[in-house]
Amino acid sequence: MGVAVTALFYHIIENGMHKAVTGISSGLAWAHFVLMNVGAAAATWMLMYAGYIGGTGLLAATQGGGGLSAGQVHPHIVGYVNPIGYAVIAVALGVLLGGIAFMITLRKSE
């Protein structure tokens, strides 16, 4: 949803305000979209997979699960913490770069 809204902002800036996103702003805008999309998708999929691993580990063995306690499941999912954090950092960096692109473009005197 955030990517769609920021795309709308770029549309308004270019078509409504008649300010072209060119030069360094264009590169920052591309980085904005790529980092937000890739980071959000990566974080979401890793969170889903870690949740699946944890959920199946906690499920009773008679129901096809691992029959583990919460303490026993933790080592199976703890490896996802840092990669998820890196993906969230990529999203935040994308947002920051997009904000810089917005400001550079809006300050143009065209």
PDB file of N, CA and C in Angstrom:
ATOM      1  N   MET A   1       0.819  -1.173   0.000  1.00  0.00           N
ATOM      2  CA  MET A   1       0.000   0.000   0.000  1.00  0.00           C
ATOM      3  C   MET A   1       0.876   1.255   0.000  1.00  0.00           C
ATOM      4  N   GLY A   2       1.951   1.203   0.759  1.00  0.00           N
ATOM      5  CA  GLY A   2       2.842   2.355   0.821  1.00  0.00           C
ATOM      6  C   GLY A   2       3.492   2.668  -0.514  1.00  0.00           C
ATOM      7  N   VAL A   3       3.839   1.644  -1.252  1.00  0.00           N
ATOM      8  CA  VAL A   3       4.456   1.848  -2.562  1.00  0.00           C
ATOM      9  C   VAL A   3       3.446   2.481  -3.516  1.00  0.00           C
ATOM     10  N   ALA A   4       2.211   2.039  -3.456  1.00  0.00           N
ATOM     11  CA  ALA A   4       1.173   2.616  -4.322  1.00  0.00           C
ATOM     12  C   ALA A   4       0.931   4.085  -3.990  1.00  0.00           C
ATOM     13  N   VAL A   5       0.914   4.416  -2.716  1.00  0.00           N
ATOM     14  CA  VAL A   5       0.691   5.813  -2.316  1.00  0.00           C
ATOM     15  C   VAL A   5       1.861   6.689  -2.745  1.00  0.00           C
ATOM     16  N   THR A   6       3.077   6.198  -2.591  1.00  0.00           N
ATOM     17  CA  THR A   6       4.216   7.019  -3.012  1.00  0.00           C
ATOM     18  C   THR A   6       4.249   7.167  -4.529  1.00  0.00           C
ATOM     19  N   ALA A   7       3.802   6.146  -5.250  1.00  0.00           N
ATOM     20  CA  ALA A   7       3.703   6.279  -6.707  1.00  0.00           C
ATOM     21  C   ALA A   7       2.701   7.378  -7.061  1.00  0.00           C
ATOM     22  N   LEU A   8       1.629   7.460  -6.294  1.00  0.00           N
ATOM     23  CA  LEU A   8       0.653   8.530  -6.498  1.00  0.00           C
ATOM     24  C   LEU A   8       1.292   9.898  -6.240  1.00  0.00           C
ATOM     25  N   PHE A   9       2.130   9.999  -5.230  1.00  0.00           N
ATOM     26  CA  PHE A   9       2.834  11.260  -4.961  1.00  0.00           C
ATOM     27  C   PHE A   9       3.695  11.672  -6.149  1.00  0.00           C
ATOM     28  N   TYR A  10       4.436  10.710  -6.706  1.00  0.00           N
ATOM     29  CA  TYR A  10       5.259  11.027  -7.876  1.00  0.00           C
ATOM     30  C   TYR A  10       4.384  11.462  -9.046  1.00  0.00           C
ATOM     31  N   HIS A  11       3.251  10.811  -9.210  1.00  0.00           N
ATOM     32  CA  HIS A  11       2.322  11.181 -10.281  1.00  0.00           C
ATOM     33  C   HIS A  11       1.813  12.618 -10.086  1.00  0.00           C
ATOM     34  N   ILE A  12       1.448  12.960  -8.869  1.00  0.00           N
ATOM     35  CA  ILE A  12       0.952  14.307  -8.581  1.00  0.00           C
ATOM     36  C   ILE A  12       2.048  15.344  -8.812  1.00  0.00           C
ATOM     37  N   ILE A  13       3.263  15.034  -8.367  1.00  0.00           N
ATOM     38  CA  ILE A  13       4.371  15.975  -8.558  1.00  0.00           C
ATOM     39  C   ILE A  13       4.621  16.214 -10.042  1.00  0.00           C
ATOM     40  N   GLU A  14       4.649  15.147 -10.829  1.00  0.00           N
ATOM     41  CA  GLU A  14       4.964  15.303 -12.255  1.00  0.00           C
ATOM     42  C   GLU A  14       3.795  15.844 -13.069  1.00  0.00           C
ATOM     43  N   ASN A  15       2.597  15.337 -12.843  1.00  0.00           N
ATOM     44  CA  ASN A  15       1.463  15.734 -13.677  1.00  0.00           C
ATOM     45  C   ASN A  15       0.632  16.864 -13.090  1.00  0.00           C
ATOM     46  N   GLY A  16       0.512  16.910 -11.795  1.00  0.00           N
ATOM     47  CA  GLY A  16      -0.281  17.962 -11.166  1.00  0.00           C
ATOM     48  C   GLY A  16       0.499  19.247 -10.956  1.00  0.00           C
ATOM     49  N   MET A  17       1.752  19.090 -10.517  1.00  0.00           N
ATOM     50  CA  MET A  17       2.585  20.262 -10.224  1.00  0.00           C
ATOM     51  C   MET A  17       3.519  20.594 -11.384  1.00  0.00           C
ATOM     52  N   HIS A  18       3.574  19.731 -12.382  1.00  0.00           N
ATOM     53  CA  HIS A  18       4.409  19.926 -13.575  1.00  0.00           C
ATOM     54  C   HIS A  18       5.890  20.100 -13.239  1.00  0.00           C
ATOM     55  N   LYS A  19       6.372  19.258 -12.325  1.00  0.00           N
ATOM     56  CA  LYS A  19       7.792  19.253 -11.979  1.00  0.00           C
ATOM     57  C   LYS A  19       8.338  17.875 -12.327  1.00  0.00           C
ATOM     58  N   ALA A  20       9.285  17.834 -13.245  1.00  0.00           N
ATOM     59  CA  ALA A  20       9.830  16.557 -13.709  1.00  0.00           C
ATOM     60  C   ALA A  20      10.796  15.972 -12.688  1.00  0.00           C
ATOM     61  N   VAL A  21      10.676  14.680 -12.481  1.00  0.00           N
ATOM     62  CA  VAL A  21      11.620  13.954 -11.626  1.00  0.00           C
ATOM     63  C   VAL A  21      12.753  13.496 -12.543  1.00  0.00           C
ATOM     64  N   THR A  22      13.840  14.253 -12.554  1.00  0.00           N
ATOM     65  CA  THR A  22      14.961  13.987 -13.449  1.00  0.00           C
ATOM     66  C   THR A  22      16.266  13.981 -12.671  1.00  0.00           C
ATOM     67  N   GLY A  23      17.304  13.538 -13.342  1.00  0.00           N
ATOM     68  CA  GLY A  23      18.638  13.572 -12.756  1.00  0.00           C
ATOM     69  C   GLY A  23      18.758  12.685 -11.527  1.00  0.00           C
ATOM     70  N   ILE A  24      19.370  13.241 -10.482  1.00  0.00           N
ATOM     71  CA  ILE A  24      19.593  12.485  -9.245  1.00  0.00           C
ATOM     72  C   ILE A  24      18.272  12.093  -8.601  1.00  0.00           C
ATOM     73  N   SER A  25      17.248  12.930  -8.773  1.00  0.00           N
ATOM     74  CA  SER A  25      15.928  12.615  -8.210  1.00  0.00           C
ATOM     75  C   SER A  25      15.355  11.353  -8.834  1.00  0.00           C
ATOM     76  N   SER A  26      15.594  11.177 -10.113  1.00  0.00           N
ATOM     77  CA  SER A  26      15.112   9.980 -10.801  1.00  0.00           C
ATOM     78  C   SER A  26      15.786   8.730 -10.236  1.00  0.00           C
ATOM     79  N   GLY A  27      17.069   8.787 -10.040  1.00  0.00           N
ATOM     80  CA  GLY A  27      17.795   7.657  -9.454  1.00  0.00           C
ATOM     81  C   GLY A  27      17.343   7.352  -8.043  1.00  0.00           C
ATOM     82  N   LEU A  28      17.122   8.411  -7.265  1.00  0.00           N
ATOM     83  CA  LEU A  28      16.635   8.223  -5.897  1.00  0.00           C
ATOM     84  C   LEU A  28      15.231   7.636  -5.899  1.00  0.00           C
ATOM     85  N   ALA A  29      14.404   8.067  -6.858  1.00  0.00           N
ATOM     86  CA  ALA A  29      13.042   7.530  -6.958  1.00  0.00           C
ATOM     87  C   ALA A  29      13.074   6.038  -7.294  1.00  0.00           C
ATOM     88  N   TRP A  30      13.950   5.651  -8.215  1.00  0.00           N
ATOM     89  CA  TRP A  30      14.080   4.233  -8.554  1.00  0.00           C
ATOM     90  C   TRP A  30      14.553   3.439  -7.344  1.00  0.00           C
ATOM     91  N   ALA A  31      15.549   3.960  -6.635  1.00  0.00           N
ATOM     92  CA  ALA A  31      16.039   3.279  -5.429  1.00  0.00           C
ATOM     93  C   ALA A  31      14.913   3.169  -4.403  1.00  0.00           C
ATOM     94  N   HIS A  32      14.117   4.215  -4.303  1.00  0.00           N
ATOM     95  CA  HIS A  32      12.972   4.237  -3.399  1.00  0.00           C
ATOM     96  C   HIS A  32      12.043   3.060  -3.686  1.00  0.00           C
ATOM     97  N   PHE A  33      11.622   2.930  -4.937  1.00  0.00           N
ATOM     98  CA  PHE A  33      10.682   1.869  -5.290  1.00  0.00           C
ATOM     99  C   PHE A  33      11.305   0.482  -5.155  1.00  0.00           C
ATOM    100  N   VAL A  34      12.534   0.319  -5.609  1.00  0.00           N
ATOM    101  CA  VAL A  34      13.167  -1.001  -5.575  1.00  0.00           C
ATOM    102  C   VAL A  34      13.394  -1.447  -4.129  1.00  0.00           C
ATOM    103  N   LEU A  35      13.974  -0.572  -3.305  1.00  0.00           N
ATOM    104  CA  LEU A  35      14.260  -0.956  -1.923  1.00  0.00           C
ATOM    105  C   LEU A  35      12.980  -1.211  -1.136  1.00  0.00           C
ATOM    106  N   MET A  36      11.954  -0.382  -1.364  1.00  0.00           N
ATOM    107  CA  MET A  36      10.699  -0.607  -0.646  1.00  0.00           C
ATOM    108  C   MET A  36      10.050  -1.921  -1.066  1.00  0.00           C
ATOM    109  N   ASN A  37       9.995  -2.186  -2.366  1.00  0.00           N
ATOM    110  CA  ASN A  37       9.352  -3.416  -2.839  1.00  0.00           C
ATOM    111  C   ASN A  37      10.119  -4.661  -2.413  1.00  0.00           C
ATOM    112  N   VAL A  38      11.414  -4.675  -2.671  1.00  0.00           N
ATOM    113  CA  VAL A  38      12.220  -5.851  -2.348  1.00  0.00           C
ATOM    114  C   VAL A  38      12.278  -6.062  -0.838  1.00  0.00           C
ATOM    115  N   GLY A  39      12.506  -5.004  -0.090  1.00  0.00           N
ATOM    116  CA  GLY A  39      12.595  -5.125   1.371  1.00  0.00           C
ATOM    117  C   GLY A  39      11.294  -5.590   1.997  1.00  0.00           C
ATOM    118  N   ALA A  40      10.178  -5.015   1.558  1.00  0.00           N
ATOM    119  CA  ALA A  40       8.880  -5.405   2.125  1.00  0.00           C
ATOM    120  C   ALA A  40       8.542  -6.848   1.759  1.00  0.00           C
ATOM    121  N   ALA A  41       8.790  -7.229   0.523  1.00  0.00           N
ATOM    122  CA  ALA A  41       8.504  -8.608   0.119  1.00  0.00           C
ATOM    123  C   ALA A  41       9.386  -9.600   0.873  1.00  0.00           C
ATOM    124  N   ALA A  42      10.664  -9.283   0.987  1.00  0.00           N
ATOM    125  CA  ALA A  42      11.584 -10.186   1.687  1.00  0.00           C
ATOM    126  C   ALA A  42      11.204 -10.330   3.157  1.00  0.00           C
ATOM    127  N   ALA A  43      10.938  -9.209   3.832  1.00  0.00           N
ATOM    128  CA  ALA A  43      10.570  -9.266   5.246  1.00  0.00           C
ATOM    129  C   ALA A  43       9.271 -10.049   5.437  1.00  0.00           C
ATOM    130  N   THR A  44       8.307  -9.800   4.576  1.00  0.00           N
ATOM    131  CA  THR A  44       7.016 -10.473   4.702  1.00  0.00           C
ATOM    132  C   THR A  44       7.153 -11.986   4.526  1.00  0.00           C
ATOM    133  N   TRP A  45       7.876 -12.400   3.486  1.00  0.00           N
ATOM    134  CA  TRP A  45       8.022 -13.836   3.247  1.00  0.00           C
ATOM    135  C   TRP A  45       8.819 -14.517   4.350  1.00  0.00           C
ATOM    136  N   MET A  46       9.862 -13.853   4.858  1.00  0.00           N
ATOM    137  CA  MET A  46      10.625 -14.458   5.953  1.00  0.00           C
ATOM    138  C   MET A  46       9.790 -14.540   7.223  1.00  0.00           C
ATOM    139  N   LEU A  47       8.976 -13.526   7.499  1.00  0.00           N
ATOM    140  CA  LEU A  47       8.096 -13.577   8.668  1.00  0.00           C
ATOM    141  C   LEU A  47       7.076 -14.707   8.533  1.00  0.00           C
ATOM    142  N   MET A  48       6.526 -14.857   7.336  1.00  0.00           N
ATOM    143  CA  MET A  48       5.563 -15.945   7.124  1.00  0.00           C
ATOM    144  C   MET A  48       6.221 -17.309   7.308  1.00  0.00           C
ATOM    145  N   TYR A  49       7.409 -17.471   6.749  1.00  0.00           N
ATOM    146  CA  TYR A  49       8.078 -18.768   6.838  1.00  0.00           C
ATOM    147  C   TYR A  49       8.486 -19.080   8.279  1.00  0.00           C
ATOM    148  N   ALA A  50       9.013 -18.097   8.984  1.00  0.00           N
ATOM    149  CA  ALA A  50       9.389 -18.315  10.384  1.00  0.00           C
ATOM    150  C   ALA A  50       8.146 -18.646  11.217  1.00  0.00           C
ATOM    151  N   GLY A  51       7.040 -17.987  10.929  1.00  0.00           N
ATOM    152  CA  GLY A  51       5.790 -18.305  11.619  1.00  0.00           C
ATOM    153  C   GLY A  51       5.314 -19.714  11.322  1.00  0.00           C
ATOM    154  N   TYR A  52       5.474 -20.129  10.070  1.00  0.00           N
ATOM    155  CA  TYR A  52       5.102 -21.496   9.687  1.00  0.00           C
ATOM    156  C   TYR A  52       5.967 -22.514  10.433  1.00  0.00           C
ATOM    157  N   ILE A  53       7.277 -22.270  10.460  1.00  0.00           N
ATOM    158  CA  ILE A  53       8.196 -23.173  11.159  1.00  0.00           C
ATOM    159  C   ILE A  53       7.834 -23.246  12.640  1.00  0.00           C
ATOM    160  N   GLY A  54       7.593 -22.084  13.236  1.00  0.00           N
ATOM    161  CA  GLY A  54       7.242 -22.054  14.651  1.00  0.00           C
ATOM    162  C   GLY A  54       5.907 -22.715  14.923  1.00  0.00           C
ATOM    163  N   GLY A  55       4.935 -22.447  14.067  1.00  0.00           N
ATOM    164  CA  GLY A  55       3.609 -23.025  14.272  1.00  0.00           C
ATOM    165  C   GLY A  55       3.596 -24.534  14.124  1.00  0.00           C
ATOM    166  N   THR A  56       4.278 -25.037  13.105  1.00  0.00           N
ATOM    167  CA  THR A  56       4.318 -26.492  12.940  1.00  0.00           C
ATOM    168  C   THR A  56       5.156 -27.157  14.023  1.00  0.00           C
ATOM    169  N   GLY A  57       6.139 -26.449  14.522  1.00  0.00           N
ATOM    170  CA  GLY A  57       6.936 -27.002  15.615  1.00  0.00           C
ATOM    171  C   GLY A  57       6.124 -27.116  16.898  1.00  0.00           C
ATOM    172  N   LEU A  58       5.231 -26.157  17.127  1.00  0.00           N
ATOM    173  CA  LEU A  58       4.415 -26.178  18.341  1.00  0.00           C
ATOM    174  C   LEU A  58       3.212 -27.106  18.237  1.00  0.00           C
ATOM    175  N   LEU A  59       2.832 -27.468  17.034  1.00  0.00           N
ATOM    176  CA  LEU A  59       1.696 -28.357  16.834  1.00  0.00           C
ATOM    177  C   LEU A  59       2.004 -29.730  17.425  1.00  0.00           C
ATOM    178  N   ALA A  60       1.003 -30.352  18.000  1.00  0.00           N
ATOM    179  CA  ALA A  60       1.196 -31.668  18.619  1.00  0.00           C
ATOM    180  C   ALA A  60       1.676 -32.680  17.581  1.00  0.00           C
ATOM    181  N   ALA A  61       2.527 -33.583  18.031  1.00  0.00           N
ATOM    182  CA  ALA A  61       3.079 -34.605  17.137  1.00  0.00           C
ATOM    183  C   ALA A  61       1.973 -35.510  16.601  1.00  0.00           C
ATOM    184  N   THR A  62       0.914 -35.704  17.374  1.00  0.00           N
ATOM    185  CA  THR A  62      -0.202 -36.543  16.908  1.00  0.00           C
ATOM    186  C   THR A  62      -0.960 -35.890  15.762  1.00  0.00           C
ATOM    187  N   GLN A  63      -0.771 -34.591  15.601  1.00  0.00           N
ATOM    188  CA  GLN A  63      -1.441 -33.860  14.518  1.00  0.00           C
ATOM    189  C   GLN A  63      -0.474 -33.517  13.382  1.00  0.00           C
ATOM    190  N   GLY A  64       0.685 -34.110  13.387  1.00  0.00           N
ATOM    191  CA  GLY A  64       1.647 -33.914  12.317  1.00  0.00           C
ATOM    192  C   GLY A  64       2.662 -32.826  12.588  1.00  0.00           C
ATOM    193  N   GLY A  65       2.646 -32.263  13.770  1.00  0.00           N
ATOM    194  CA  GLY A  65       3.592 -31.210  14.113  1.00  0.00           C
ATOM    195  C   GLY A  65       4.831 -31.757  14.791  1.00  0.00           C
ATOM    196  N   GLY A  66       5.623 -30.847  15.295  1.00  0.00           N
ATOM    197  CA  GLY A  66       6.861 -31.254  15.951  1.00  0.00           C
ATOM    198  C   GLY A  66       6.702 -31.616  17.406  1.00  0.00           C
ATOM    199  N   GLY A  67       5.601 -31.167  18.016  1.00  0.00           N
ATOM    200  CA  GLY A  67       5.385 -31.462  19.423  1.00  0.00           C
ATOM    201  C   GLY A  67       6.396 -30.792  20.329  1.00  0.00           C
ATOM    202  N   LEU A  68       6.896 -29.645  19.916  1.00  0.00           N
ATOM    203  CA  LEU A  68       7.932 -28.953  20.679  1.00  0.00           C
ATOM    204  C   LEU A  68       7.313 -27.913  21.603  1.00  0.00           C
ATOM    205  N   SER A  69       8.088 -27.532  22.618  1.00  0.00           N
ATOM    206  CA  SER A  69       7.673 -26.423  23.479  1.00  0.00           C
ATOM    207  C   SER A  69       8.213 -25.123  22.873  1.00  0.00           C
ATOM    208  N   ALA A  70       7.771 -23.997  23.417  1.00  0.00           N
ATOM    209  CA  ALA A  70       8.215 -22.701  22.892  1.00  0.00           C
ATOM    210  C   ALA A  70       9.733 -22.566  22.966  1.00  0.00           C
ATOM    211  N   GLY A  71      10.322 -23.057  24.032  1.00  0.00           N
ATOM    212  CA  GLY A  71      11.769 -22.990  24.175  1.00  0.00           C
ATOM    213  C   GLY A  71      12.506 -23.837  23.152  1.00  0.00           C
ATOM    214  N   GLN A  72      11.884 -24.915  22.726  1.00  0.00           N
ATOM    215  CA  GLN A  72      12.507 -25.781  21.732  1.00  0.00           C
ATOM    216  C   GLN A  72      12.329 -25.239  20.314  1.00  0.00           C
ATOM    217  N   VAL A  73      11.287 -24.464  20.072  1.00  0.00           N
ATOM    218  CA  VAL A  73      11.041 -23.894  18.746  1.00  0.00           C
ATOM    219  C   VAL A  73      11.973 -22.713  18.477  1.00  0.00           C
ATOM    220  N   HIS A  74      12.299 -21.996  19.508  1.00  0.00           N
ATOM    221  CA  HIS A  74      13.101 -20.781  19.369  1.00  0.00           C
ATOM    222  C   HIS A  74      14.370 -20.972  18.546  1.00  0.00           C
ATOM    223  N   PRO A  75      15.167 -22.000  18.777  1.00  0.00           N
ATOM    224  CA  PRO A  75      16.377 -22.168  17.963  1.00  0.00           C
ATOM    225  C   PRO A  75      16.095 -22.363  16.467  1.00  0.00           C
ATOM    226  N   HIS A  76      14.903 -22.834  16.136  1.00  0.00           N
ATOM    227  CA  HIS A  76      14.559 -23.055  14.724  1.00  0.00           C
ATOM    228  C   HIS A  76      14.232 -21.750  13.993  1.00  0.00           C
ATOM    229  N   ILE A  77      13.786 -20.744  14.731  1.00  0.00           N
ATOM    230  CA  ILE A  77      13.360 -19.500  14.075  1.00  0.00           C
ATOM    231  C   ILE A  77      14.260 -18.304  14.365  1.00  0.00           C
ATOM    232  N   VAL A  78      15.167 -18.435  15.303  1.00  0.00           N
ATOM    233  CA  VAL A  78      16.004 -17.301  15.684  1.00  0.00           C
ATOM    234  C   VAL A  78      16.912 -16.843  14.546  1.00  0.00           C
ATOM    235  N   GLY A  79      17.222 -17.712  13.631  1.00  0.00           N
ATOM    236  CA  GLY A  79      18.082 -17.355  12.499  1.00  0.00           C
ATOM    237  C   GLY A  79      17.439 -16.381  11.524  1.00  0.00           C
ATOM    238  N   TYR A  80      16.149 -16.179  11.637  1.00  0.00           N
ATOM    239  CA  TYR A  80      15.445 -15.261  10.738  1.00  0.00           C
ATOM    240  C   TYR A  80      15.419 -13.818  11.251  1.00  0.00           C
ATOM    241  N   VAL A  81      15.801 -13.616  12.489  1.00  0.00           N
ATOM    242  CA  VAL A  81      15.703 -12.277  13.093  1.00  0.00           C
ATOM    243  C   VAL A  81      16.562 -11.262  12.352  1.00  0.00           C
ATOM    244  N   ASN A  82      17.831 -11.531  12.166  1.00  0.00           N
ATOM    245  CA  ASN A  82      18.715 -10.567  11.501  1.00  0.00           C
ATOM    246  C   ASN A  82      18.349 -10.338  10.037  1.00  0.00           C
ATOM    247  N   PRO A  83      18.092 -11.386   9.246  1.00  0.00           N
ATOM    248  CA  PRO A  83      17.694 -11.117   7.857  1.00  0.00           C
ATOM    249  C   PRO A  83      16.414 -10.285   7.749  1.00  0.00           C
ATOM    250  N   ILE A  84      15.462 -10.526   8.626  1.00  0.00           N
ATOM    251  CA  ILE A  84      14.241  -9.718   8.623  1.00  0.00           C
ATOM    252  C   ILE A  84      14.582  -8.272   8.962  1.00  0.00           C
ATOM    253  N   GLY A  85      15.461  -8.088   9.919  1.00  0.00           N
ATOM    254  CA  GLY A  85      15.901  -6.737  10.279  1.00  0.00           C
ATOM    255  C   GLY A  85      16.588  -6.031   9.121  1.00  0.00           C
ATOM    256  N   TYR A  86      17.405  -6.754   8.375  1.00  0.00           N
ATOM    257  CA  TYR A  86      18.069  -6.157   7.218  1.00  0.00           C
ATOM    258  C   TYR A  86      17.059  -5.760   6.149  1.00  0.00           C
ATOM    259  N   ALA A  87      16.045  -6.581   5.963  1.00  0.00           N
ATOM    260  CA  ALA A  87      15.004  -6.248   4.988  1.00  0.00           C
ATOM    261  C   ALA A  87      14.243  -4.993   5.417  1.00  0.00           C
ATOM    262  N   VAL A  88      13.970  -4.866   6.704  1.00  0.00           N
ATOM    263  CA  VAL A  88      13.283  -3.671   7.216  1.00  0.00           C
ATOM    264  C   VAL A  88      14.180  -2.441   7.051  1.00  0.00           C
ATOM    265  N   ILE A  89      15.480  -2.594   7.249  1.00  0.00           N
ATOM    266  CA  ILE A  89      16.415  -1.487   7.033  1.00  0.00           C
ATOM    267  C   ILE A  89      16.398  -1.070   5.567  1.00  0.00           C
ATOM    268  N   ALA A  90      16.312  -2.035   4.651  1.00  0.00           N
ATOM    269  CA  ALA A  90      16.225  -1.707   3.220  1.00  0.00           C
ATOM    270  C   ALA A  90      14.973  -0.893   2.935  1.00  0.00           C
ATOM    271  N   VAL A  91      13.850  -1.257   3.549  1.00  0.00           N
ATOM    272  CA  VAL A  91      12.615  -0.483   3.382  1.00  0.00           C
ATOM    273  C   VAL A  91      12.805   0.939   3.906  1.00  0.00           C
ATOM    274  N   ALA A  92      13.383   1.060   5.090  1.00  0.00           N
ATOM    275  CA  ALA A  92      13.591   2.383   5.676  1.00  0.00           C
ATOM    276  C   ALA A  92      14.531   3.232   4.825  1.00  0.00           C
ATOM    277  N   LEU A  93      15.578   2.625   4.288  1.00  0.00           N
ATOM    278  CA  LEU A  93      16.489   3.347   3.410  1.00  0.00           C
ATOM    279  C   LEU A  93      15.762   3.808   2.151  1.00  0.00           C
ATOM    280  N   GLY A  94      14.913   2.952   1.598  1.00  0.00           N
ATOM    281  CA  GLY A  94      14.113   3.334   0.436  1.00  0.00           C
ATOM    282  C   GLY A  94      13.215   4.521   0.733  1.00  0.00           C
ATOM    283  N   VAL A  95      12.584   4.511   1.890  1.00  0.00           N
ATOM    284  CA  VAL A  95      11.726   5.628   2.283  1.00  0.00           C
ATOM    285  C   VAL A  95      12.546   6.908   2.412  1.00  0.00           C
ATOM    286  N   LEU A  96      13.707   6.817   3.028  1.00  0.00           N
ATOM    287  CA  LEU A  96      14.573   7.987   3.185  1.00  0.00           C
ATOM    288  C   LEU A  96      15.000   8.542   1.831  1.00  0.00           C
ATOM    289  N   LEU A  97      15.431   7.663   0.939  1.00  0.00           N
ATOM    290  CA  LEU A  97      15.856   8.117  -0.386  1.00  0.00           C
ATOM    291  C   LEU A  97      14.685   8.718  -1.161  1.00  0.00           C
ATOM    292  N   GLY A  98      13.504   8.142  -1.018  1.00  0.00           N
ATOM    293  CA  GLY A  98      12.325   8.702  -1.663  1.00  0.00           C
ATOM    294  C   GLY A  98      11.982  10.078  -1.128  1.00  0.00           C
ATOM    295  N   GLY A  99      12.119  10.255   0.180  1.00  0.00           N
ATOM    296  CA  GLY A  99      11.875  11.582   0.770  1.00  0.00           C
ATOM    297  C   GLY A  99      12.850  12.614   0.242  1.00  0.00           C
ATOM    298  N   ILE A 100      14.099  12.222   0.078  1.00  0.00           N
ATOM    299  CA  ILE A 100      15.098  13.133  -0.489  1.00  0.00           C
ATOM    300  C   ILE A 100      14.739  13.462  -1.937  1.00  0.00           C
ATOM    301  N   ALA A 101      14.305  12.456  -2.696  1.00  0.00           N
ATOM    302  CA  ALA A 101      13.891  12.697  -4.092  1.00  0.00           C
ATOM    303  C   ALA A 101      12.711  13.659  -4.150  1.00  0.00           C
ATOM    304  N   PHE A 102      11.744  13.477  -3.245  1.00  0.00           N
ATOM    305  CA  PHE A 102      10.600  14.394  -3.197  1.00  0.00           C
ATOM    306  C   PHE A 102      11.056  15.822  -2.935  1.00  0.00           C
ATOM    307  N   MET A 103      11.924  15.984  -1.947  1.00  0.00           N
ATOM    308  CA  MET A 103      12.362  17.332  -1.570  1.00  0.00           C
ATOM    309  C   MET A 103      13.161  17.996  -2.685  1.00  0.00           C
ATOM    310  N   ILE A 104      14.057  17.252  -3.322  1.00  0.00           N
ATOM    311  CA  ILE A 104      14.841  17.825  -4.424  1.00  0.00           C
ATOM    312  C   ILE A 104      13.914  18.266  -5.549  1.00  0.00           C
ATOM    313  N   THR A 105      12.961  17.418  -5.886  1.00  0.00           N
ATOM    314  CA  THR A 105      12.041  17.733  -6.992  1.00  0.00           C
ATOM    315  C   THR A 105      11.130  18.911  -6.639  1.00  0.00           C
ATOM    316  N   LEU A 106      10.620  18.937  -5.437  1.00  0.00           N
ATOM    317  CA  LEU A 106       9.707  20.014  -5.044  1.00  0.00           C
ATOM    318  C   LEU A 106      10.408  21.352  -4.935  1.00  0.00           C
ATOM    319  N   ARG A 107      11.689  21.355  -4.676  1.00  0.00           N
ATOM    320  CA  ARG A 107      12.437  22.616  -4.561  1.00  0.00           C
ATOM    321  C   ARG A 107      12.895  23.171  -5.898  1.00  0.00           C
ATOM    322  N   LYS A 108      12.667  22.404  -6.991  1.00  0.00           N
ATOM    323  CA  LYS A 108      13.020  22.899  -8.308  1.00  0.00           C
ATOM    324  C   LYS A 108      12.173  24.112  -8.636  1.00  0.00           C
ATOM    325  N   SER A 109      12.754  25.056  -9.350  1.00  0.00           N
ATOM    326  CA  SER A 109      12.045  26.298  -9.675  1.00  0.00           C
ATOM    327  C   SER A 109      11.429  26.281 -11.061  1.00  0.00           C
ATOM    328  N   GLU A 110      11.203  25.128 -11.627  1.00  0.00           N
ATOM    329  CA  GLU A 110      10.659  25.012 -12.992  1.00  0.00           C
ATOM    330  C   GLU A 110       9.291  25.628 -13.073  1.00  0.00           C
TER     331      GLU A 110
END
